[in-house]
Structure formats: C-alpha cells, structure tokens
Amino acid sequence: MTLLPAGVAHCERCDAVIARGHRLGADALLALTLAALVVFLIANGAELITIRLRGTEVATTLPMAIIAAWRDGAPVVAILATLTAIVAPLVVIVLRLLILVPLALGRVPEAMGWYFRILHESTRWNTVPVLGVGALLSLVRMSDLAQASAGPGLVAIGTLAVLLAAIESAGLQHLWPVQHETV
C-alpha cells in the first residue's frame, strides 16, 4: 500500500502511527542529495576552526585534524573520526545517488535491495551532527585559552547535518512500492 503525501497509517489496535506519506519524490530527494554531496565536499575541504594564540594563527580542515590526531598518538580517534565523519556520510550520499539517479530517469536500479540494506547499516555510523556539536563545544571551551573562530567548513558541517536529517526523514521506502508496481 502506498501512502499519499499527507497520508498517515495507524495501527488498528492501538492507533499508533506506523508510517507517514512524504511529499518529496525522487526528483526532490535527488536534488537534496546532490546538495548534500556539494556541502560534504566543502565540509571536508574548507577550514573548520581557526585558532589565534600569541600572534600565531592555525587553521585546520577535518582531514588535517584527523591526520594530526593520528600523528599525536590517537590512532583510534583518527580511525573513528574518519569512519564516522567522512566515510559513512559519503557512503550514505553515494548510495542514495545510486538509488535516486536511476529512479529519476524512470528506471529501477538492479541492486536496489542491496543498496537499501547497505544504506540502512551505514546510516547508523553517520555522526555528522555529533561532529558539528563537538566542534562548537570545542570553540566555546577554547575561548578562555585562545581566540578561536568557526570557519566555512564548520558552517558546511552544520548544513550537511540539516540536509542529511531532511533526506533521512524523507526516507526512500515510499519510492519502493511505486516503482515496483509499474515493473
């Protein structure tokens, strides 16, 4: 059963909400996902934080911070940061593109079931919102020690968190039955 965009499915027994229809179709989700890819690239290439202390200024990007953590003897932190802040969001974005591009072109991806399974698992590892909050907390805590300012990379991380949340809330499941009824 496919829900209409404003439709809500309730449990017949307890009246709990089981599912909601969504207004975003494949084209709108594709646009959001492409925007997320662009913002992801900015978040990983632009400066996150600039720190000024005693006339010295240091700016860092996310990959530079991960490399610094590795060099400073925190390989576990570096690996986890790489997996959760770079790899998982990129996998989520790429998998969504692998699903949405064919759907927008009127085709069903051959491996759609596999994409859904991998997407479900990789979404659990996506911690972009946590990274954004952590970076903001670092800025606040450093303000007593040095002058710290947010860079465009941090703004991009915040934007990416909002885009990924919007994309995730829209889901993809509502596209599955519609596409397979016509095949």
N, C-alpha and C. Protein backbone atom coordinates (compact mmCIF):
# COMPACT_ATOMS: atom_id res chain seq x y z
N MET A 1 0.84 -1.17 0.00
CA MET A 1 0.00 0.00 0.00
C MET A 1 0.89 1.24 0.00
N THR A 2 0.62 2.17 -0.88
CA THR A 2 1.37 3.41 -0.96
C THR A 2 0.57 4.52 -0.30
N LEU A 3 1.21 5.25 0.60
CA LEU A 3 0.54 6.36 1.27
C LEU A 3 0.60 7.61 0.41
N LEU A 4 -0.46 8.38 0.46
CA LEU A 4 -0.45 9.68 -0.20
C LEU A 4 0.52 10.60 0.53
N PRO A 5 0.96 11.69 -0.12
CA PRO A 5 1.94 12.56 0.52
C PRO A 5 1.56 13.02 1.93
N ALA A 6 0.32 13.32 2.19
CA ALA A 6 -0.08 13.77 3.52
C ALA A 6 -0.70 12.65 4.35
N GLY A 7 -0.68 11.42 3.83
CA GLY A 7 -1.33 10.30 4.50
C GLY A 7 -0.56 9.80 5.71
N VAL A 8 -1.31 9.22 6.63
CA VAL A 8 -0.73 8.64 7.84
C VAL A 8 -1.38 7.27 8.04
N ALA A 9 -0.56 6.24 8.25
CA ALA A 9 -1.08 4.90 8.53
C ALA A 9 -1.02 4.66 10.04
N HIS A 10 -2.16 4.25 10.61
CA HIS A 10 -2.25 3.99 12.05
C HIS A 10 -2.49 2.51 12.30
N CYS A 11 -2.02 2.04 13.45
CA CYS A 11 -2.28 0.68 13.88
C CYS A 11 -3.77 0.57 14.23
N GLU A 12 -4.41 -0.48 13.74
CA GLU A 12 -5.84 -0.65 14.02
C GLU A 12 -6.10 -0.97 15.49
N ARG A 13 -5.12 -1.53 16.16
CA ARG A 13 -5.29 -1.94 17.55
C ARG A 13 -5.06 -0.79 18.53
N CYS A 14 -3.93 -0.08 18.39
CA CYS A 14 -3.58 0.93 19.40
C CYS A 14 -3.56 2.36 18.84
N ASP A 15 -3.81 2.52 17.57
CA ASP A 15 -3.85 3.82 16.89
C ASP A 15 -2.49 4.51 16.83
N ALA A 16 -1.39 3.77 17.02
CA ALA A 16 -0.04 4.35 16.90
C ALA A 16 0.25 4.62 15.43
N VAL A 17 1.06 5.62 15.17
CA VAL A 17 1.45 5.94 13.80
C VAL A 17 2.46 4.90 13.33
N ILE A 18 2.15 4.26 12.22
CA ILE A 18 3.03 3.23 11.66
C ILE A 18 3.90 3.83 10.57
N ALA A 19 3.31 4.67 9.74
CA ALA A 19 4.05 5.26 8.62
C ALA A 19 3.37 6.57 8.21
N ARG A 20 4.16 7.41 7.58
CA ARG A 20 3.64 8.67 7.04
C ARG A 20 4.03 8.76 5.58
N GLY A 21 3.13 9.30 4.80
CA GLY A 21 3.45 9.59 3.41
C GLY A 21 4.36 10.80 3.38
N HIS A 22 5.13 10.93 2.35
CA HIS A 22 6.05 12.06 2.27
C HIS A 22 5.85 12.82 0.98
N ARG A 23 6.01 14.12 1.07
CA ARG A 23 5.78 14.98 -0.10
C ARG A 23 6.92 14.94 -1.10
N LEU A 24 8.10 14.52 -0.69
CA LEU A 24 9.25 14.55 -1.58
C LEU A 24 9.31 13.30 -2.44
N GLY A 25 9.38 13.52 -3.73
CA GLY A 25 9.53 12.42 -4.66
C GLY A 25 10.99 12.20 -5.00
N ALA A 26 11.26 11.35 -5.97
CA ALA A 26 12.63 11.01 -6.35
C ALA A 26 13.41 12.23 -6.81
N ASP A 27 12.78 13.12 -7.57
CA ASP A 27 13.49 14.30 -8.08
C ASP A 27 13.90 15.24 -6.95
N ALA A 28 13.01 15.48 -6.00
CA ALA A 28 13.33 16.37 -4.88
C ALA A 28 14.41 15.75 -3.99
N LEU A 29 14.30 14.45 -3.74
CA LEU A 29 15.32 13.78 -2.93
C LEU A 29 16.67 13.77 -3.64
N LEU A 30 16.65 13.63 -4.95
CA LEU A 30 17.89 13.69 -5.73
C LEU A 30 18.52 15.07 -5.61
N ALA A 31 17.74 16.11 -5.69
CA ALA A 31 18.26 17.47 -5.55
C ALA A 31 18.88 17.68 -4.16
N LEU A 32 18.20 17.23 -3.12
CA LEU A 32 18.74 17.35 -1.76
C LEU A 32 20.03 16.54 -1.60
N THR A 33 20.06 15.37 -2.21
CA THR A 33 21.24 14.51 -2.09
C THR A 33 22.43 15.11 -2.84
N LEU A 34 22.18 15.70 -4.01
CA LEU A 34 23.26 16.37 -4.73
C LEU A 34 23.77 17.58 -3.94
N ALA A 35 22.85 18.30 -3.32
CA ALA A 35 23.25 19.42 -2.46
C ALA A 35 24.10 18.91 -1.30
N ALA A 36 23.71 17.78 -0.71
CA ALA A 36 24.48 17.20 0.38
C ALA A 36 25.88 16.81 -0.07
N LEU A 37 26.02 16.32 -1.30
CA LEU A 37 27.34 15.96 -1.83
C LEU A 37 28.22 17.20 -1.96
N VAL A 38 27.67 18.28 -2.48
CA VAL A 38 28.44 19.52 -2.63
C VAL A 38 28.85 20.05 -1.25
N VAL A 39 27.92 20.07 -0.32
CA VAL A 39 28.22 20.56 1.03
C VAL A 39 29.22 19.63 1.73
N PHE A 40 29.13 18.33 1.49
CA PHE A 40 30.09 17.38 2.05
C PHE A 40 31.51 17.70 1.57
N LEU A 41 31.65 17.99 0.28
CA LEU A 41 32.96 18.34 -0.27
C LEU A 41 33.50 19.63 0.34
N ILE A 42 32.62 20.60 0.54
CA ILE A 42 33.03 21.85 1.18
C ILE A 42 33.44 21.59 2.63
N ALA A 43 32.65 20.78 3.34
CA ALA A 43 32.93 20.49 4.75
C ALA A 43 34.29 19.82 4.93
N ASN A 44 34.70 19.03 3.96
CA ASN A 44 35.97 18.32 4.08
C ASN A 44 37.15 19.08 3.49
N GLY A 45 36.88 20.15 2.75
CA GLY A 45 37.97 20.90 2.13
C GLY A 45 38.20 22.27 2.73
N ALA A 46 37.21 22.80 3.41
CA ALA A 46 37.32 24.15 3.96
C ALA A 46 37.76 24.10 5.42
N GLU A 47 38.25 25.23 5.89
CA GLU A 47 38.72 25.33 7.28
C GLU A 47 37.55 25.17 8.24
N LEU A 48 37.76 24.31 9.26
CA LEU A 48 36.77 24.13 10.32
C LEU A 48 36.90 25.22 11.37
N ILE A 49 38.10 25.33 11.89
CA ILE A 49 38.36 26.22 13.01
C ILE A 49 39.69 26.94 12.78
N THR A 50 39.72 28.20 13.13
CA THR A 50 40.96 28.97 13.13
C THR A 50 41.25 29.39 14.56
N ILE A 51 42.46 29.10 15.02
CA ILE A 51 42.85 29.42 16.39
C ILE A 51 44.01 30.42 16.33
N ARG A 52 43.87 31.51 17.11
CA ARG A 52 44.91 32.52 17.21
C ARG A 52 45.40 32.57 18.66
N LEU A 53 46.71 32.44 18.82
CA LEU A 53 47.31 32.47 20.16
C LEU A 53 48.69 33.11 20.07
N ARG A 54 48.87 34.21 20.80
CA ARG A 54 50.16 34.91 20.86
C ARG A 54 50.73 35.23 19.48
N GLY A 55 49.91 35.72 18.61
CA GLY A 55 50.36 36.12 17.29
C GLY A 55 50.46 35.01 16.26
N THR A 56 50.23 33.78 16.68
CA THR A 56 50.27 32.66 15.75
C THR A 56 48.84 32.25 15.41
N GLU A 57 48.62 31.98 14.14
CA GLU A 57 47.29 31.57 13.68
C GLU A 57 47.39 30.19 13.04
N VAL A 58 46.52 29.31 13.45
CA VAL A 58 46.47 27.96 12.89
C VAL A 58 45.04 27.67 12.47
N ALA A 59 44.89 27.22 11.24
CA ALA A 59 43.58 26.83 10.72
C ALA A 59 43.65 25.35 10.33
N THR A 60 42.55 24.63 10.50
CA THR A 60 42.57 23.22 10.18
C THR A 60 41.28 22.79 9.48
N THR A 61 41.42 21.81 8.62
CA THR A 61 40.28 21.17 7.98
C THR A 61 40.02 19.86 8.71
N LEU A 62 38.94 19.21 8.40
CA LEU A 62 38.63 17.93 9.03
C LEU A 62 39.71 16.88 8.72
N PRO A 63 40.11 16.70 7.46
CA PRO A 63 41.18 15.72 7.20
C PRO A 63 42.49 16.08 7.92
N MET A 64 42.82 17.37 8.00
CA MET A 64 44.04 17.78 8.70
C MET A 64 43.94 17.45 10.19
N ALA A 65 42.77 17.63 10.78
CA ALA A 65 42.57 17.32 12.20
C ALA A 65 42.70 15.81 12.44
N ILE A 66 42.21 15.02 11.51
CA ILE A 66 42.32 13.56 11.64
C ILE A 66 43.77 13.13 11.54
N ILE A 67 44.51 13.71 10.61
CA ILE A 67 45.94 13.40 10.47
C ILE A 67 46.70 13.81 11.72
N ALA A 68 46.35 14.98 12.27
CA ALA A 68 47.02 15.44 13.50
C ALA A 68 46.73 14.49 14.66
N ALA A 69 45.50 14.00 14.76
CA ALA A 69 45.17 13.05 15.82
C ALA A 69 46.00 11.78 15.67
N TRP A 70 46.16 11.31 14.44
CA TRP A 70 46.96 10.11 14.18
C TRP A 70 48.41 10.35 14.60
N ARG A 71 48.97 11.48 14.18
CA ARG A 71 50.37 11.80 14.50
C ARG A 71 50.60 12.03 15.99
N ASP A 72 49.57 12.51 16.69
CA ASP A 72 49.70 12.79 18.12
C ASP A 72 49.45 11.55 18.98
N GLY A 73 49.38 10.39 18.35
CA GLY A 73 49.27 9.16 19.11
C GLY A 73 47.85 8.75 19.46
N ALA A 74 46.88 9.21 18.70
CA ALA A 74 45.49 8.82 18.94
C ALA A 74 44.92 8.16 17.68
N PRO A 75 45.49 7.01 17.29
CA PRO A 75 45.02 6.37 16.06
C PRO A 75 43.57 5.91 16.11
N VAL A 76 43.10 5.49 17.29
CA VAL A 76 41.71 5.05 17.41
C VAL A 76 40.77 6.22 17.13
N VAL A 77 41.08 7.37 17.70
CA VAL A 77 40.27 8.57 17.46
C VAL A 77 40.30 8.93 15.98
N ALA A 78 41.48 8.86 15.37
CA ALA A 78 41.61 9.20 13.95
C ALA A 78 40.80 8.25 13.06
N ILE A 79 40.88 6.97 13.37
CA ILE A 79 40.14 5.98 12.57
C ILE A 79 38.63 6.16 12.74
N LEU A 80 38.19 6.31 13.99
CA LEU A 80 36.75 6.50 14.23
C LEU A 80 36.25 7.80 13.59
N ALA A 81 37.03 8.87 13.69
CA ALA A 81 36.62 10.13 13.06
C ALA A 81 36.53 9.97 11.54
N THR A 82 37.48 9.27 10.97
CA THR A 82 37.45 9.04 9.52
C THR A 82 36.21 8.24 9.12
N LEU A 83 35.95 7.18 9.86
CA LEU A 83 34.80 6.33 9.53
C LEU A 83 33.47 7.05 9.71
N THR A 84 33.32 7.77 10.83
CA THR A 84 32.01 8.35 11.16
C THR A 84 31.78 9.74 10.55
N ALA A 85 32.85 10.48 10.31
CA ALA A 85 32.67 11.85 9.80
C ALA A 85 32.94 11.98 8.32
N ILE A 86 33.64 11.01 7.73
CA ILE A 86 33.95 11.10 6.30
C ILE A 86 33.36 9.91 5.53
N VAL A 87 33.75 8.70 5.91
CA VAL A 87 33.35 7.51 5.13
C VAL A 87 31.84 7.27 5.18
N ALA A 88 31.26 7.21 6.39
CA ALA A 88 29.83 6.90 6.50
C ALA A 88 28.94 7.93 5.79
N PRO A 89 29.16 9.25 5.99
CA PRO A 89 28.31 10.19 5.25
C PRO A 89 28.49 10.07 3.74
N LEU A 90 29.72 9.83 3.29
CA LEU A 90 29.95 9.68 1.86
C LEU A 90 29.25 8.44 1.32
N VAL A 91 29.30 7.33 2.06
CA VAL A 91 28.61 6.11 1.64
C VAL A 91 27.10 6.36 1.56
N VAL A 92 26.55 7.05 2.56
CA VAL A 92 25.11 7.35 2.56
C VAL A 92 24.75 8.18 1.33
N ILE A 93 25.54 9.20 1.05
CA ILE A 93 25.24 10.07 -0.09
C ILE A 93 25.37 9.30 -1.41
N VAL A 94 26.45 8.54 -1.58
CA VAL A 94 26.67 7.80 -2.83
C VAL A 94 25.58 6.75 -3.03
N LEU A 95 25.21 6.01 -1.97
CA LEU A 95 24.16 5.00 -2.11
C LEU A 95 22.83 5.64 -2.50
N ARG A 96 22.52 6.78 -1.89
CA ARG A 96 21.28 7.47 -2.25
C ARG A 96 21.32 7.90 -3.72
N LEU A 97 22.47 8.34 -4.18
CA LEU A 97 22.59 8.71 -5.59
C LEU A 97 22.42 7.49 -6.50
N LEU A 98 22.99 6.35 -6.07
CA LEU A 98 22.84 5.12 -6.86
C LEU A 98 21.39 4.67 -6.95
N ILE A 99 20.60 5.02 -5.96
CA ILE A 99 19.17 4.69 -5.99
C ILE A 99 18.38 5.75 -6.74
N LEU A 100 18.64 7.02 -6.44
CA LEU A 100 17.79 8.11 -6.93
C LEU A 100 18.03 8.49 -8.39
N VAL A 101 19.27 8.41 -8.86
CA VAL A 101 19.52 8.79 -10.26
C VAL A 101 18.74 7.89 -11.21
N PRO A 102 18.82 6.56 -11.09
CA PRO A 102 18.01 5.72 -11.97
C PRO A 102 16.50 5.95 -11.80
N LEU A 103 16.03 6.15 -10.55
CA LEU A 103 14.61 6.39 -10.34
C LEU A 103 14.17 7.68 -11.03
N ALA A 104 15.00 8.72 -10.96
CA ALA A 104 14.67 9.98 -11.62
C ALA A 104 14.64 9.83 -13.13
N LEU A 105 15.40 8.86 -13.64
CA LEU A 105 15.42 8.59 -15.08
C LEU A 105 14.36 7.57 -15.49
N GLY A 106 13.53 7.15 -14.52
CA GLY A 106 12.43 6.23 -14.83
C GLY A 106 12.82 4.76 -14.82
N ARG A 107 13.96 4.45 -14.25
CA ARG A 107 14.41 3.06 -14.17
C ARG A 107 14.55 2.64 -12.71
N VAL A 108 14.49 1.33 -12.48
CA VAL A 108 14.70 0.78 -11.14
C VAL A 108 16.13 0.23 -11.12
N PRO A 109 16.95 0.66 -10.14
CA PRO A 109 18.31 0.11 -10.06
C PRO A 109 18.28 -1.39 -9.85
N GLU A 110 19.17 -2.11 -10.54
CA GLU A 110 19.20 -3.56 -10.43
C GLU A 110 19.49 -4.03 -9.01
N ALA A 111 20.37 -3.34 -8.32
CA ALA A 111 20.77 -3.76 -6.98
C ALA A 111 20.06 -2.94 -5.90
N MET A 112 18.86 -2.50 -6.16
CA MET A 112 18.16 -1.60 -5.24
C MET A 112 18.02 -2.22 -3.84
N GLY A 113 17.71 -3.49 -3.76
CA GLY A 113 17.58 -4.16 -2.47
C GLY A 113 18.87 -4.12 -1.68
N TRP A 114 19.99 -4.39 -2.35
CA TRP A 114 21.29 -4.34 -1.68
C TRP A 114 21.61 -2.92 -1.24
N TYR A 115 21.31 -1.95 -2.10
CA TYR A 115 21.57 -0.55 -1.75
C TYR A 115 20.80 -0.17 -0.48
N PHE A 116 19.54 -0.60 -0.40
CA PHE A 116 18.72 -0.30 0.78
C PHE A 116 19.34 -0.93 2.04
N ARG A 117 19.80 -2.18 1.93
CA ARG A 117 20.38 -2.85 3.10
C ARG A 117 21.66 -2.15 3.57
N ILE A 118 22.55 -1.84 2.63
CA ILE A 118 23.81 -1.17 2.98
C ILE A 118 23.53 0.23 3.51
N LEU A 119 22.57 0.91 2.90
CA LEU A 119 22.20 2.25 3.34
C LEU A 119 21.69 2.22 4.77
N HIS A 120 20.88 1.24 5.08
CA HIS A 120 20.35 1.10 6.44
C HIS A 120 21.49 0.94 7.45
N GLU A 121 22.46 0.10 7.13
CA GLU A 121 23.58 -0.14 8.04
C GLU A 121 24.50 1.07 8.13
N SER A 122 24.80 1.72 7.01
CA SER A 122 25.75 2.83 7.03
C SER A 122 25.16 4.08 7.67
N THR A 123 23.85 4.23 7.66
CA THR A 123 23.22 5.39 8.28
C THR A 123 23.49 5.41 9.78
N ARG A 124 23.62 4.24 10.38
CA ARG A 124 23.90 4.15 11.82
C ARG A 124 25.24 4.76 12.19
N TRP A 125 26.19 4.76 11.25
CA TRP A 125 27.54 5.23 11.52
C TRP A 125 27.75 6.69 11.17
N ASN A 126 26.76 7.32 10.62
CA ASN A 126 26.86 8.71 10.21
C ASN A 126 26.71 9.62 11.43
N THR A 127 27.78 10.28 11.84
CA THR A 127 27.73 11.12 13.04
C THR A 127 28.05 12.57 12.74
N VAL A 128 27.66 13.05 11.58
CA VAL A 128 27.92 14.45 11.22
C VAL A 128 27.32 15.42 12.25
N PRO A 129 26.08 15.22 12.72
CA PRO A 129 25.57 16.15 13.73
C PRO A 129 26.40 16.15 15.02
N VAL A 130 26.89 15.00 15.42
CA VAL A 130 27.72 14.92 16.62
C VAL A 130 29.03 15.68 16.40
N LEU A 131 29.59 15.54 15.21
CA LEU A 131 30.81 16.27 14.88
C LEU A 131 30.59 17.77 14.96
N GLY A 132 29.49 18.23 14.42
CA GLY A 132 29.19 19.67 14.46
C GLY A 132 29.06 20.19 15.88
N VAL A 133 28.34 19.46 16.71
CA VAL A 133 28.17 19.87 18.11
C VAL A 133 29.51 19.83 18.83
N GLY A 134 30.30 18.80 18.58
CA GLY A 134 31.62 18.69 19.21
C GLY A 134 32.53 19.84 18.83
N ALA A 135 32.50 20.22 17.56
CA ALA A 135 33.34 21.35 17.12
C ALA A 135 32.89 22.66 17.76
N LEU A 136 31.58 22.85 17.85
CA LEU A 136 31.08 24.07 18.50
C LEU A 136 31.45 24.10 19.99
N LEU A 137 31.34 22.97 20.66
CA LEU A 137 31.75 22.91 22.06
C LEU A 137 33.24 23.19 22.22
N SER A 138 34.04 22.70 21.28
CA SER A 138 35.48 22.97 21.32
C SER A 138 35.76 24.45 21.20
N LEU A 139 35.01 25.12 20.31
CA LEU A 139 35.18 26.57 20.16
C LEU A 139 34.89 27.29 21.46
N VAL A 140 33.81 26.91 22.11
CA VAL A 140 33.42 27.56 23.37
C VAL A 140 34.47 27.30 24.45
N ARG A 141 34.93 26.06 24.55
CA ARG A 141 35.92 25.72 25.59
C ARG A 141 37.26 26.39 25.33
N MET A 142 37.63 26.58 24.08
CA MET A 142 38.91 27.20 23.75
C MET A 142 38.90 28.71 23.92
N SER A 143 37.74 29.29 24.02
CA SER A 143 37.65 30.75 24.08
C SER A 143 38.37 31.33 25.29
N ASP A 144 38.54 30.55 26.37
CA ASP A 144 39.29 31.02 27.53
C ASP A 144 40.80 30.97 27.29
N LEU A 145 41.25 30.08 26.41
CA LEU A 145 42.68 29.88 26.19
C LEU A 145 43.22 30.66 24.99
N ALA A 146 42.43 30.76 23.97
CA ALA A 146 42.89 31.40 22.73
C ALA A 146 41.68 31.97 22.00
N GLN A 147 41.98 32.75 20.98
CA GLN A 147 40.90 33.28 20.15
C GLN A 147 40.60 32.24 19.07
N ALA A 148 39.41 31.70 19.07
CA ALA A 148 39.02 30.67 18.11
C ALA A 148 37.80 31.14 17.35
N SER A 149 37.80 30.86 16.05
CA SER A 149 36.65 31.24 15.24
C SER A 149 36.28 30.11 14.30
N ALA A 150 34.99 30.00 14.05
CA ALA A 150 34.46 28.97 13.15
C ALA A 150 34.78 29.35 11.71
N GLY A 151 35.11 28.36 10.93
CA GLY A 151 35.38 28.58 9.51
C GLY A 151 34.24 28.08 8.65
N PRO A 152 34.37 28.25 7.36
CA PRO A 152 33.30 27.80 6.45
C PRO A 152 33.06 26.29 6.50
N GLY A 153 34.08 25.52 6.85
CA GLY A 153 33.91 24.07 6.97
C GLY A 153 32.95 23.70 8.08
N LEU A 154 32.99 24.45 9.18
CA LEU A 154 32.08 24.18 10.29
C LEU A 154 30.64 24.55 9.91
N VAL A 155 30.49 25.64 9.17
CA VAL A 155 29.16 26.01 8.68
C VAL A 155 28.65 24.93 7.72
N ALA A 156 29.56 24.41 6.90
CA ALA A 156 29.17 23.34 5.97
C ALA A 156 28.78 22.07 6.72
N ILE A 157 29.47 21.76 7.82
CA ILE A 157 29.12 20.58 8.61
C ILE A 157 27.72 20.75 9.20
N GLY A 158 27.42 21.94 9.69
CA GLY A 158 26.07 22.19 10.21
C GLY A 158 25.02 22.06 9.12
N THR A 159 25.32 22.60 7.95
CA THR A 159 24.40 22.50 6.81
C THR A 159 24.24 21.04 6.38
N LEU A 160 25.34 20.31 6.36
CA LEU A 160 25.28 18.90 5.99
C LEU A 160 24.43 18.10 6.97
N ALA A 161 24.57 18.41 8.26
CA ALA A 161 23.76 17.73 9.27
C ALA A 161 22.27 17.96 9.01
N VAL A 162 21.89 19.20 8.68
CA VAL A 162 20.49 19.51 8.40
C VAL A 162 20.04 18.81 7.13
N LEU A 163 20.86 18.84 6.07
CA LEU A 163 20.49 18.17 4.82
C LEU A 163 20.33 16.66 5.01
N LEU A 164 21.28 16.04 5.71
CA LEU A 164 21.18 14.60 5.92
C LEU A 164 19.97 14.23 6.77
N ALA A 165 19.64 15.08 7.75
CA ALA A 165 18.44 14.83 8.56
C ALA A 165 17.18 14.95 7.71
N ALA A 166 17.13 15.95 6.84
CA ALA A 166 15.97 16.12 5.96
C ALA A 166 15.84 14.95 4.99
N ILE A 167 16.94 14.53 4.44
CA ILE A 167 16.94 13.41 3.50
C ILE A 167 16.51 12.13 4.21
N GLU A 168 17.06 11.93 5.41
CA GLU A 168 16.73 10.72 6.18
C GLU A 168 15.27 10.71 6.58
N SER A 169 14.74 11.88 6.97
CA SER A 169 13.33 11.93 7.39
C SER A 169 12.40 11.64 6.22
N ALA A 170 12.83 12.01 5.02
CA ALA A 170 12.01 11.72 3.84
C ALA A 170 12.03 10.23 3.51
N GLY A 171 13.14 9.57 3.84
CA GLY A 171 13.25 8.14 3.58
C GLY A 171 13.25 7.84 2.09
N LEU A 172 13.33 6.58 1.79
CA LEU A 172 13.26 6.12 0.41
C LEU A 172 12.20 5.04 0.24
N GLN A 173 11.71 4.51 1.37
CA GLN A 173 10.79 3.39 1.30
C GLN A 173 9.53 3.72 0.51
N HIS A 174 9.09 4.97 0.57
CA HIS A 174 7.87 5.33 -0.17
C HIS A 174 8.08 5.27 -1.68
N LEU A 175 9.32 5.24 -2.13
CA LEU A 175 9.60 5.13 -3.56
C LEU A 175 9.58 3.68 -4.03
N TRP A 176 9.87 2.76 -3.13
CA TRP A 176 9.99 1.35 -3.50
C TRP A 176 8.69 0.77 -4.07
N PRO A 177 7.55 0.84 -3.37
CA PRO A 177 6.34 0.22 -3.91
C PRO A 177 5.87 0.87 -5.21
N VAL A 178 5.99 2.17 -5.31
CA VAL A 178 5.54 2.87 -6.51
C VAL A 178 6.32 2.39 -7.71
N GLN A 179 7.63 2.25 -7.56
CA GLN A 179 8.47 1.84 -8.67
C GLN A 179 8.22 0.38 -9.05
N HIS A 180 8.01 -0.49 -8.04
CA HIS A 180 7.86 -1.89 -8.35
C HIS A 180 6.45 -2.27 -8.83
N GLU A 181 5.48 -1.42 -8.60
CA GLU A 181 4.15 -1.71 -9.13
C GLU A 181 4.12 -1.53 -10.64
N THR A 182 5.00 -0.66 -11.17
CA THR A 182 4.99 -0.41 -12.61
C THR A 182 5.92 -1.36 -13.37
N VAL A 183 6.75 -2.13 -12.65
CA VAL A 183 7.70 -3.00 -13.32
C VAL A 183 7.05 -4.30 -13.70
